[in-house]
Amino acid sequence: MGTTNYTNTFIAVAEDSLNPEGRAEPTGITPPHGEDGQTIAELQFELLQARPYAYTSDELIFEVHSRRKGLLDEERDAAWDEFFARDQACLRSSPLAKRYGWGFHFDERGRVGLVPVGSADYQRLSTDKGLAQKQALRSSRKV
């Protein structure tokens, strides 16, 4: 079983994010609601806004998967093993960082928090030499 977890890492927004330079107020864009229910971005956003630094990347990705599939509590243990039996994309591929202008900070315990592009925290974390610096994946290919 692989893991998507990071520790002491900052994931900056993608070069082609919809909000790469920030807005007048330092905030990312709130992801829109999907027509067929909550989107992955919307669920990740809600979970991380409600409980910053409460989830590891694996826990967050699985929680989003569980909610979208409507898994019951008693189904989760078996579903965890099945879900992570295949490699999963890490948060570098999250639409929050690819499209909506949100960075991810992972603390020493591997817990993740959202950081809006353009904020003082984003500037500080993106230049912190004590953190591994990663960038979110681009949404489009370079030509």
Protein backbone atom coordinates (compact mmCIF):
# COMPACT_ATOMS: atom_id res chain seq x y z
CA MET A 1 0.00 0.00 0.00
CA GLY A 2 1.37 3.38 -1.03
CA THR A 3 0.77 6.66 0.73
CA THR A 4 0.05 10.21 -0.35
CA ASN A 5 1.23 11.69 2.95
CA TYR A 6 3.87 14.40 3.25
CA THR A 7 5.54 15.90 6.31
CA ASN A 8 7.12 19.33 6.64
CA THR A 9 6.11 20.19 3.07
CA PHE A 10 4.46 23.05 1.26
CA ILE A 11 2.58 22.53 -2.01
CA ALA A 12 2.29 25.78 -3.95
CA VAL A 13 -0.48 26.46 -6.45
CA ALA A 14 0.01 25.38 -10.05
CA GLU A 15 1.50 27.83 -12.54
CA ASP A 16 -1.78 27.83 -14.47
CA SER A 17 -4.10 28.12 -11.47
CA LEU A 18 -7.16 30.34 -11.95
CA ASN A 19 -5.87 32.39 -9.04
CA PRO A 20 -2.05 32.26 -9.28
CA GLU A 21 -1.44 35.86 -8.25
CA GLY A 22 -4.09 36.10 -5.56
CA ARG A 23 -6.99 38.50 -5.41
CA ALA A 24 -7.46 41.86 -3.72
CA GLU A 25 -8.10 39.91 -0.55
CA PRO A 26 -5.61 37.09 0.01
CA THR A 27 -7.87 34.16 -0.58
CA GLY A 28 -8.27 31.27 -2.91
CA ILE A 29 -11.42 30.84 -4.92
CA THR A 30 -14.17 28.84 -3.22
CA PRO A 31 -14.78 25.79 -5.41
CA PRO A 32 -18.22 25.63 -7.02
CA HIS A 33 -20.90 23.07 -6.17
CA GLY A 34 -21.23 20.28 -8.72
CA GLU A 35 -24.46 19.58 -10.56
CA ASP A 36 -24.50 15.95 -9.39
CA GLY A 37 -23.48 16.63 -5.79
CA GLN A 38 -20.37 17.88 -4.11
CA THR A 39 -17.19 17.98 -6.13
CA ILE A 40 -13.86 16.66 -4.87
CA ALA A 41 -12.60 20.25 -4.55
CA GLU A 42 -15.68 21.32 -2.61
CA LEU A 43 -15.42 18.40 -0.18
CA GLN A 44 -11.68 18.89 0.36
CA PHE A 45 -12.26 22.59 0.94
CA GLU A 46 -15.08 22.06 3.45
CA LEU A 47 -13.19 19.39 5.39
CA LEU A 48 -9.98 21.43 5.62
CA GLN A 49 -11.77 24.68 6.43
CA ALA A 50 -13.77 23.00 9.20
CA ARG A 51 -10.80 21.11 10.69
CA PRO A 52 -7.40 22.50 9.68
CA TYR A 53 -4.50 20.18 10.45
CA ALA A 54 -6.85 17.37 11.51
CA TYR A 55 -6.27 15.10 8.49
CA THR A 56 -3.29 13.50 6.85
CA SER A 57 -3.42 13.49 3.07
CA ASP A 58 -4.43 9.80 3.06
CA GLU A 59 -7.22 10.47 5.55
CA LEU A 60 -8.50 13.48 3.59
CA ILE A 61 -8.47 11.70 0.24
CA PHE A 62 -10.21 8.66 1.74
CA GLU A 63 -12.80 10.81 3.56
CA VAL A 64 -13.70 12.51 0.27
CA HIS A 65 -13.91 9.12 -1.45
CA SER A 66 -16.11 7.75 1.35
CA ARG A 67 -18.52 10.66 1.25
CA ARG A 68 -18.84 10.58 -2.52
CA LYS A 69 -19.50 6.82 -2.42
CA GLY A 70 -21.85 7.10 0.56
CA LEU A 71 -19.92 4.53 2.60
CA LEU A 72 -21.27 3.61 6.00
CA ASP A 73 -19.00 3.55 9.05
CA GLU A 74 -18.94 -0.24 9.14
CA GLU A 75 -17.80 -0.36 5.49
CA ARG A 76 -14.85 1.98 5.94
CA ASP A 77 -12.16 -0.41 7.23
CA ALA A 78 -12.48 -2.79 4.30
CA ALA A 79 -12.91 0.11 1.89
CA TRP A 80 -9.68 1.75 3.15
CA ASP A 81 -7.63 -1.34 2.32
CA GLU A 82 -9.29 -1.71 -1.08
CA PHE A 83 -8.93 2.01 -1.89
CA PHE A 84 -5.23 2.12 -1.05
CA ALA A 85 -4.47 -1.22 -2.70
CA ARG A 86 -4.08 0.94 -5.82
CA ASP A 87 -1.87 4.00 -5.97
CA GLN A 88 -3.77 7.23 -5.36
CA ALA A 89 -2.96 10.71 -6.61
CA CYS A 90 -1.51 13.02 -3.96
CA LEU A 91 -2.75 16.51 -3.18
CA ARG A 92 -0.42 17.97 -5.82
CA SER A 93 -3.21 16.94 -8.20
CA SER A 94 -6.01 18.45 -6.09
CA PRO A 95 -8.21 20.91 -7.94
CA LEU A 96 -7.79 23.28 -4.97
CA ALA A 97 -4.10 23.73 -5.81
CA LYS A 98 -4.40 23.20 -9.57
CA ARG A 99 -7.30 25.54 -10.24
CA TYR A 100 -8.58 27.47 -7.24
CA GLY A 101 -5.52 29.12 -5.67
CA TRP A 102 -5.02 27.12 -2.48
CA GLY A 103 -1.68 25.84 -1.23
CA PHE A 104 -1.27 22.94 1.19
CA HIS A 105 0.96 22.98 4.24
CA PHE A 106 1.89 19.69 5.91
CA ASP A 107 3.19 19.92 9.46
CA GLU A 108 5.68 17.64 11.22
CA ARG A 109 2.90 15.14 11.99
CA GLY A 110 1.80 15.03 8.35
CA ARG A 111 -1.43 16.94 9.03
CA VAL A 112 -2.55 19.26 6.25
CA GLY A 113 -3.92 22.78 6.23
CA LEU A 114 -5.11 25.07 3.43
CA VAL A 115 -3.24 28.28 2.68
CA PRO A 116 -4.75 30.92 0.36
CA VAL A 117 -2.44 32.25 -2.34
CA GLY A 118 -1.56 35.87 -1.78
CA SER A 119 -1.73 35.63 2.02
CA ALA A 120 1.15 36.38 4.38
CA ASP A 121 1.12 32.71 5.44
CA TYR A 122 1.42 31.60 1.81
CA GLN A 123 4.38 33.93 1.25
CA ARG A 124 6.09 32.77 4.45
CA LEU A 125 5.54 29.04 3.84
CA SER A 126 6.47 29.19 0.15
CA THR A 127 9.89 30.59 1.06
CA ASP A 128 10.51 28.52 4.20
CA LYS A 129 13.77 26.63 3.66
CA GLY A 130 12.81 24.22 6.44
CA LEU A 131 9.97 22.83 4.32
CA ALA A 132 10.17 20.65 1.24
CA GLN A 133 8.80 22.82 -1.57
CA LYS A 134 6.54 21.22 -4.19
CA GLN A 135 4.26 22.69 -6.80
CA ALA A 136 0.80 21.51 -7.76
CA LEU A 137 0.50 19.84 -11.12
CA ARG A 138 -0.50 21.98 -14.06
CA SER A 139 -4.02 21.60 -15.45
CA SER A 140 -2.78 21.92 -19.02
CA ARG A 141 0.33 20.80 -20.82
CA LYS A 142 2.99 23.31 -21.72
CA VAL A 143 3.24 23.92 -25.44
